[in-house]
Protein backbone atom coordinates (compact mmCIF):
# COMPACT_ATOMS: atom_id res chain seq x y z
CA MET A 1 147.17 102.29 0.06
CA LYS A 2 150.31 102.06 -2.08
CA PRO A 3 152.38 98.86 -2.37
CA ALA A 4 155.33 100.46 -0.63
CA ASP A 5 153.12 101.61 2.35
CA LEU A 6 151.86 98.06 2.80
CA ARG A 7 155.36 96.62 2.62
CA ALA A 8 156.64 99.26 5.15
CA MET A 9 153.77 98.45 7.47
CA GLN A 10 154.34 94.63 7.31
CA ALA A 11 158.21 94.58 7.07
CA PRO A 12 158.94 94.87 10.80
CA LEU A 13 156.40 92.08 11.50
CA LYS A 14 157.88 89.82 8.88
CA ASP A 15 161.39 90.49 10.20
CA ARG A 16 160.30 89.80 13.78
CA TYR A 17 158.56 86.56 12.83
CA LYS A 18 161.65 85.39 10.85
CA LYS A 19 163.87 86.04 13.88
CA THR A 20 161.44 84.82 16.48
CA PRO A 21 158.99 82.32 14.89
CA GLU A 22 157.17 81.73 18.17
CA ALA A 23 156.06 85.40 18.10
CA ALA A 24 153.99 84.67 15.06
CA LEU A 25 151.78 82.15 16.83
CA ILE A 26 148.80 84.09 18.21
CA THR A 27 145.74 82.48 19.82
CA LEU A 28 142.47 84.24 18.84
CA ARG A 29 139.49 83.77 21.09
CA ALA A 30 135.77 84.11 20.91
CA GLN A 31 133.36 83.94 23.80
CA GLY A 32 129.63 83.61 23.98
CA ARG A 33 127.04 83.12 26.72
CA ALA A 34 123.83 81.15 26.36
CA GLY A 35 120.97 83.60 26.19
CA GLU A 36 117.21 83.59 26.68
CA GLY A 37 115.28 81.01 24.72
CA VAL A 38 117.49 79.34 22.14
CA SER A 39 120.17 81.95 21.66
CA CYS A 40 123.76 82.77 22.32
CA LYS A 41 125.23 86.23 22.92
CA ILE A 42 128.67 86.55 21.36
CA GLU A 43 131.09 89.23 22.48
CA THR A 44 132.80 90.92 19.53
CA GLY A 45 135.17 93.80 19.28
CA LYS A 46 132.17 95.87 18.03
CA GLY A 47 129.62 94.85 20.65
CA LEU A 48 127.35 91.93 21.40
CA VAL A 49 125.82 89.82 18.67
CA ASP A 50 122.69 87.87 19.60
CA ALA A 51 122.69 84.58 17.61
CA GLY A 52 119.78 82.27 17.30
CA LEU A 53 118.17 79.56 15.19
CA HIS A 54 117.86 79.98 11.43
CA PRO A 55 114.20 80.23 10.33
CA ALA A 56 114.53 76.86 8.66
CA THR A 57 115.06 75.39 12.14
CA GLY A 58 112.35 77.36 13.92
CA GLY A 59 114.04 80.69 14.44
CA THR A 60 112.36 84.04 13.91
CA GLY A 61 115.01 85.52 11.66
CA GLN A 62 115.43 88.38 14.18
CA GLN A 63 118.76 87.04 15.44
CA ALA A 64 122.05 86.47 13.68
CA CYS A 65 122.51 82.96 12.15
CA SER A 66 125.78 81.26 12.78
CA GLY A 67 125.78 79.82 9.28
CA ASP A 68 125.44 83.30 7.85
CA MET A 69 128.16 84.50 10.18
CA LEU A 70 130.51 81.86 8.90
CA LEU A 71 129.90 82.96 5.30
CA GLU A 72 130.32 86.57 6.38
CA ALA A 73 133.67 85.72 8.00
CA LEU A 74 134.73 84.07 4.74
CA VAL A 75 133.75 87.12 2.71
CA ALA A 76 135.42 89.48 5.17
CA CYS A 77 138.68 87.59 5.27
CA ALA A 78 138.76 87.08 1.48
CA GLY A 79 137.98 90.73 0.89
CA VAL A 80 140.76 91.96 3.16
CA THR A 81 143.17 89.43 1.67
CA LEU A 82 142.16 90.36 -1.89
CA ASN A 83 142.77 94.01 -1.07
CA ALA A 84 146.17 93.34 0.48
CA VAL A 85 147.31 91.14 -2.42
CA ALA A 86 146.02 93.57 -5.02
CA THR A 87 147.87 96.39 -3.21
CA SER A 88 151.07 94.29 -3.02
CA LEU A 89 150.83 93.46 -6.74
CA GLY A 90 150.00 97.04 -7.71
CA ILE A 91 146.61 95.98 -9.15
CA VAL A 92 143.99 98.74 -9.04
CA LEU A 93 140.52 97.48 -8.15
CA ARG A 94 137.88 100.08 -9.01
CA GLU A 95 135.35 97.81 -7.37
CA ALA A 96 135.40 94.36 -5.82
CA VAL A 97 132.31 92.56 -4.68
CA LEU A 98 132.60 89.23 -2.97
CA GLU A 99 129.74 86.78 -2.48
CA ALA A 100 129.70 83.54 -0.54
CA GLU A 101 126.85 81.04 -0.57
CA GLY A 102 126.52 77.59 0.90
CA ALA A 103 123.88 74.92 0.73
CA ILE A 104 122.59 73.32 3.96
CA ASP A 105 120.12 70.45 4.18
CA PHE A 106 118.48 71.19 7.49
CA ARG A 107 117.21 67.62 7.88
CA GLY A 108 120.70 66.86 9.25
CA THR A 109 120.80 69.46 12.00
CA LEU A 110 117.13 68.78 13.00
CA GLY A 111 117.81 65.05 13.23
CA VAL A 112 115.19 64.25 10.65
CA SER A 113 117.60 62.05 8.67
CA LYS A 114 120.79 60.47 9.95
CA GLU A 115 121.93 60.04 6.37
CA VAL A 116 122.07 63.81 5.78
CA PRO A 117 125.24 65.44 7.10
CA VAL A 118 125.06 68.31 9.48
CA GLY A 119 126.53 71.55 8.10
CA PHE A 120 127.24 73.02 4.75
CA GLN A 121 127.26 70.59 1.83
CA ASN A 122 129.20 73.06 -0.32
CA ILE A 123 130.40 76.64 -0.15
CA ARG A 124 130.97 78.86 -3.16
CA LEU A 125 133.00 82.09 -3.12
CA GLN A 126 132.67 84.45 -6.05
CA PHE A 127 134.67 87.61 -6.92
CA LEU A 128 133.15 90.30 -9.11
CA LEU A 129 136.08 92.56 -10.03
CA ASP A 130 136.16 95.84 -11.96
CA THR A 131 139.78 96.29 -12.91
CA ASP A 132 142.07 96.76 -15.92
CA ALA A 133 144.31 93.89 -14.72
CA SER A 134 145.22 91.28 -17.30
CA GLU A 135 143.86 87.75 -17.15
CA GLU A 136 147.28 86.63 -15.94
CA GLN A 137 147.32 89.23 -13.17
CA LEU A 138 143.78 88.25 -12.16
CA ALA A 139 144.71 84.56 -12.02
CA THR A 140 147.70 85.47 -9.74
CA LEU A 141 145.48 87.75 -7.61
CA LEU A 142 142.90 85.05 -7.02
CA ARG A 143 145.47 82.27 -6.53
CA LEU A 144 147.28 84.33 -3.84
CA THR A 145 144.03 85.47 -2.23
CA GLU A 146 142.99 81.87 -1.87
CA ARG A 147 146.41 80.87 -0.59
CA TYR A 148 146.62 83.57 2.13
CA CYS A 149 142.99 83.88 3.23
CA VAL A 150 142.89 82.39 6.76
CA VAL A 151 139.17 81.58 6.78
CA TYR A 152 139.22 80.05 3.30
CA GLN A 153 142.23 77.86 4.10
CA THR A 154 140.69 76.82 7.50
CA LEU A 155 137.54 75.69 5.76
CA LYS A 156 139.38 73.98 3.00
CA ASN A 157 141.83 72.24 5.29
CA PRO A 158 140.15 71.96 8.71
CA PRO A 159 142.43 71.81 11.70
CA PRO A 160 142.03 69.26 14.47
CA MET A 161 139.19 70.33 16.79
CA SER A 162 138.37 69.38 20.36
CA VAL A 163 135.49 69.96 22.76
CA THR A 164 136.00 70.08 26.50
CA ARG A 165 133.74 70.85 29.47
CA ASN A 166 134.88 72.62 32.53
CA ALA A 167 132.78 72.72 35.68
CA ALA A 168 131.38 76.13 36.41
CA SER A 169 132.31 77.61 39.72
CA ARG A 170 129.28 78.08 41.92
CA GLU A 171 129.66 80.32 44.92
CA ARG A 172 126.76 80.21 47.36
């Protein structure tokens, strides 16, 4: 895609959001249903994903791991953002490979040690780029990718979260 094509595609949206800021606030949703054994079936735009325990917590490795899915979401968002920013800046990427990795101490999630936090202890995102862009252009590319990547920013600056329970309707 050429920079002008990206600008033309996004211009009406930017104009609309400037004139009507409330139109820019979109609520995304995900839904899952507890499955057989220790699993959860997640409805995605591309079909059902069956998630289960990581092998380090007793899983078989046959089901998707939510920790892996989180890292995959980070790579997907950063990759799309990188491509959009590169296009906007006119930077040609012959190849861009993104890798995310995160360390988890499973003693926390298994309740083996209350001193060990549950969740990722750190997450690292790496870009392997084949391009003729200058160091200055690359610094700008990565800075803007980091700035505009929704998943990266959400992990870096977590929003308030809440958990609620609603009673299921039981018709007999």
